[in-house]
Amino acid sequence: MKEIKAFIHRNRIADVVRALGAAGFRNLSVIDVKGMLKALGAQEQDYSIEIGTGVISEMKLELVCVGEDCTAEAVRIIQEHGQTGQSEAGWIYISEVQAALPIGESCGES
């Protein structure tokens, strides 16, 4: 099992999520974050007093895939639909998942 985290420009996230959904990916998390991707324009850039540098509002997409085919397909979709025309439009990170455990009332009961 692999966890995919992708940092994507805000204006591309809807297309990425739509394409992933059309391909059957359902359990996605999308989180609004501040990051340091290269801004597409001056209107996208803000200055963070807390960290003392320019930032943009990015979206962090998270999903879990079982199997190499699933992972490769998710990465392909994110790369294709997350493009902005820049050479670096974002980043995709892939990590190994050690375990996936359910949360529910029957968990841990004897």
C-alpha atoms as a PDB file:
ATOM      1  CA  MET A   1       0.000   0.000   0.000  1.00  0.00           C
ATOM      2  CA  LYS A   2       1.248   3.487  -0.898  1.00  0.00           C
ATOM      3  CA  GLU A   3       0.210   6.918   0.289  1.00  0.00           C
ATOM      4  CA  ILE A   4       0.350   9.674  -2.294  1.00  0.00           C
ATOM      5  CA  LYS A   5       0.634  13.301  -1.219  1.00  0.00           C
ATOM      6  CA  ALA A   6       0.558  15.922  -3.943  1.00  0.00           C
ATOM      7  CA  PHE A   7       1.004  19.679  -3.595  1.00  0.00           C
ATOM      8  CA  ILE A   8      -0.973  21.340  -6.374  1.00  0.00           C
ATOM      9  CA  HIS A   9      -1.816  24.892  -7.374  1.00  0.00           C
ATOM     10  CA  ARG A  10      -5.264  25.899  -6.171  1.00  0.00           C
ATOM     11  CA  ASN A  11      -6.537  26.581  -9.685  1.00  0.00           C
ATOM     12  CA  ARG A  12      -5.747  22.979 -10.805  1.00  0.00           C
ATOM     13  CA  ILE A  13      -7.195  20.960  -7.898  1.00  0.00           C
ATOM     14  CA  ALA A  14     -10.775  20.720  -9.217  1.00  0.00           C
ATOM     15  CA  ASP A  15      -9.622  19.166 -12.499  1.00  0.00           C
ATOM     16  CA  VAL A  16      -7.328  16.731 -10.663  1.00  0.00           C
ATOM     17  CA  VAL A  17     -10.069  15.620  -8.242  1.00  0.00           C
ATOM     18  CA  ARG A  18     -12.602  15.269 -11.074  1.00  0.00           C
ATOM     19  CA  ALA A  19     -10.201  13.127 -13.132  1.00  0.00           C
ATOM     20  CA  LEU A  20      -9.304  10.941 -10.145  1.00  0.00           C
ATOM     21  CA  GLY A  21     -13.017  10.464  -9.385  1.00  0.00           C
ATOM     22  CA  ALA A  22     -13.722   9.496 -13.004  1.00  0.00           C
ATOM     23  CA  ALA A  23     -10.958   6.879 -12.727  1.00  0.00           C
ATOM     24  CA  GLY A  24     -12.572   5.379  -9.615  1.00  0.00           C
ATOM     25  CA  PHE A  25     -10.525   7.007  -6.847  1.00  0.00           C
ATOM     26  CA  ARG A  26     -12.947   7.842  -4.041  1.00  0.00           C
ATOM     27  CA  ASN A  27     -11.156   8.206  -0.701  1.00  0.00           C
ATOM     28  CA  LEU A  28      -9.352  11.494  -1.230  1.00  0.00           C
ATOM     29  CA  SER A  29      -8.463  14.214   1.231  1.00  0.00           C
ATOM     30  CA  VAL A  30      -7.908  17.781   0.064  1.00  0.00           C
ATOM     31  CA  ILE A  31      -6.345  20.228   2.489  1.00  0.00           C
ATOM     32  CA  ASP A  32      -5.775  23.962   2.068  1.00  0.00           C
ATOM     33  CA  VAL A  33      -2.126  24.769   2.899  1.00  0.00           C
ATOM     34  CA  LYS A  34       0.379  27.597   2.554  1.00  0.00           C
ATOM     35  CA  GLY A  35       3.424  26.628   0.551  1.00  0.00           C
ATOM     36  CA  MET A  36       6.290  27.813  -1.539  1.00  0.00           C
ATOM     37  CA  LEU A  37       5.480  26.593  -5.027  1.00  0.00           C
ATOM     38  CA  LYS A  38       6.425  29.151  -7.649  1.00  0.00           C
ATOM     39  CA  ALA A  39       3.532  31.588  -7.936  1.00  0.00           C
ATOM     40  CA  LEU A  40       1.713  31.716 -11.265  1.00  0.00           C
ATOM     41  CA  GLY A  41       1.414  35.472 -10.885  1.00  0.00           C
ATOM     42  CA  ALA A  42       1.611  38.323  -8.403  1.00  0.00           C
ATOM     43  CA  GLN A  43      -2.051  37.870  -7.399  1.00  0.00           C
ATOM     44  CA  GLU A  44      -1.293  34.321  -6.171  1.00  0.00           C
ATOM     45  CA  GLN A  45       1.621  35.378  -3.925  1.00  0.00           C
ATOM     46  CA  ASP A  46       1.225  36.502  -0.307  1.00  0.00           C
ATOM     47  CA  TYR A  47       3.839  37.427   2.269  1.00  0.00           C
ATOM     48  CA  SER A  48       3.869  35.363   5.470  1.00  0.00           C
ATOM     49  CA  ILE A  49       4.950  37.366   8.495  1.00  0.00           C
ATOM     50  CA  GLU A  50       5.226  34.119  10.507  1.00  0.00           C
ATOM     51  CA  ILE A  51       7.888  32.582   8.262  1.00  0.00           C
ATOM     52  CA  GLY A  52       9.274  35.753   6.717  1.00  0.00           C
ATOM     53  CA  THR A  53       8.894  34.916   3.038  1.00  0.00           C
ATOM     54  CA  GLY A  54       6.475  34.746   0.140  1.00  0.00           C
ATOM     55  CA  VAL A  55       3.913  31.933   0.091  1.00  0.00           C
ATOM     56  CA  ILE A  56       0.971  30.848  -2.002  1.00  0.00           C
ATOM     57  CA  SER A  57      -2.238  29.039  -1.119  1.00  0.00           C
ATOM     58  CA  GLU A  58      -1.741  25.486  -2.355  1.00  0.00           C
ATOM     59  CA  MET A  59      -3.829  22.362  -2.068  1.00  0.00           C
ATOM     60  CA  LYS A  60      -2.497  19.148  -0.578  1.00  0.00           C
ATOM     61  CA  LEU A  61      -4.151  16.047  -2.019  1.00  0.00           C
ATOM     62  CA  GLU A  62      -3.812  12.752  -0.139  1.00  0.00           C
ATOM     63  CA  LEU A  63      -4.896   9.268  -1.179  1.00  0.00           C
ATOM     64  CA  VAL A  64      -3.930   5.652  -0.560  1.00  0.00           C
ATOM     65  CA  CYS A  65      -3.404   3.085  -3.321  1.00  0.00           C
ATOM     66  CA  VAL A  66      -3.193  -0.686  -3.126  1.00  0.00           C
ATOM     67  CA  GLY A  67      -0.865  -2.022  -5.808  1.00  0.00           C
ATOM     68  CA  GLU A  68       1.648  -0.548  -8.228  1.00  0.00           C
ATOM     69  CA  ASP A  69      -0.920  -0.165 -11.047  1.00  0.00           C
ATOM     70  CA  CYS A  70      -3.168   1.957  -8.822  1.00  0.00           C
ATOM     71  CA  THR A  71      -0.241   4.122  -7.716  1.00  0.00           C
ATOM     72  CA  ALA A  72       1.050   4.621 -11.261  1.00  0.00           C
ATOM     73  CA  GLU A  73      -2.434   5.555 -12.524  1.00  0.00           C
ATOM     74  CA  ALA A  74      -3.012   8.081  -9.722  1.00  0.00           C
ATOM     75  CA  VAL A  75       0.387   9.688 -10.331  1.00  0.00           C
ATOM     76  CA  ARG A  76      -0.282   9.870 -14.083  1.00  0.00           C
ATOM     77  CA  ILE A  77      -3.645  11.573 -13.522  1.00  0.00           C
ATOM     78  CA  ILE A  78      -2.200  14.074 -11.032  1.00  0.00           C
ATOM     79  CA  GLN A  79       0.685  14.923 -13.376  1.00  0.00           C
ATOM     80  CA  GLU A  80      -1.581  15.299 -16.399  1.00  0.00           C
ATOM     81  CA  HIS A  81      -4.328  17.374 -14.773  1.00  0.00           C
ATOM     82  CA  GLY A  82      -2.138  19.345 -12.355  1.00  0.00           C
ATOM     83  CA  GLN A  83      -0.085  21.023 -15.090  1.00  0.00           C
ATOM     84  CA  THR A  84       0.101  24.812 -15.066  1.00  0.00           C
ATOM     85  CA  GLY A  85       2.508  25.428 -17.939  1.00  0.00           C
ATOM     86  CA  GLN A  86       5.448  25.825 -15.560  1.00  0.00           C
ATOM     87  CA  SER A  87       8.316  23.337 -15.492  1.00  0.00           C
ATOM     88  CA  GLU A  88       7.571  22.738 -11.773  1.00  0.00           C
ATOM     89  CA  ALA A  89       3.831  22.959 -11.166  1.00  0.00           C
ATOM     90  CA  GLY A  90       3.875  21.030  -7.884  1.00  0.00           C
ATOM     91  CA  TRP A  91       5.218  17.912  -6.217  1.00  0.00           C
ATOM     92  CA  ILE A  92       4.048  14.342  -5.696  1.00  0.00           C
ATOM     93  CA  TYR A  93       5.380  12.275  -2.785  1.00  0.00           C
ATOM     94  CA  ILE A  94       4.859   8.519  -2.476  1.00  0.00           C
ATOM     95  CA  SER A  95       5.334   6.730   0.854  1.00  0.00           C
ATOM     96  CA  GLU A  96       4.925   3.162   2.034  1.00  0.00           C
ATOM     97  CA  VAL A  97       1.935   2.587   4.330  1.00  0.00           C
ATOM     98  CA  GLN A  98       2.781   0.239   7.209  1.00  0.00           C
ATOM     99  CA  ALA A  99      -0.824  -0.476   8.177  1.00  0.00           C
ATOM    100  CA  ALA A 100      -4.392   0.653   7.565  1.00  0.00           C
ATOM    101  CA  LEU A 101      -6.725   0.137  10.509  1.00  0.00           C
ATOM    102  CA  PRO A 102     -10.470   0.770  10.645  1.00  0.00           C
ATOM    103  CA  ILE A 103     -12.088   3.080  13.159  1.00  0.00           C
ATOM    104  CA  GLY A 104     -15.386   1.766  14.482  1.00  0.00           C
ATOM    105  CA  GLU A 105     -17.301   0.486  17.481  1.00  0.00           C
ATOM    106  CA  SER A 106     -16.447  -3.164  16.828  1.00  0.00           C
ATOM    107  CA  CYS A 107     -12.691  -2.497  16.774  1.00  0.00           C
ATOM    108  CA  GLY A 108     -10.909  -3.927  19.800  1.00  0.00           C
ATOM    109  CA  GLU A 109     -14.049  -5.436  21.365  1.00  0.00           C
ATOM    110  CA  SER A 110     -13.960  -9.084  22.488  1.00  0.00           C
END
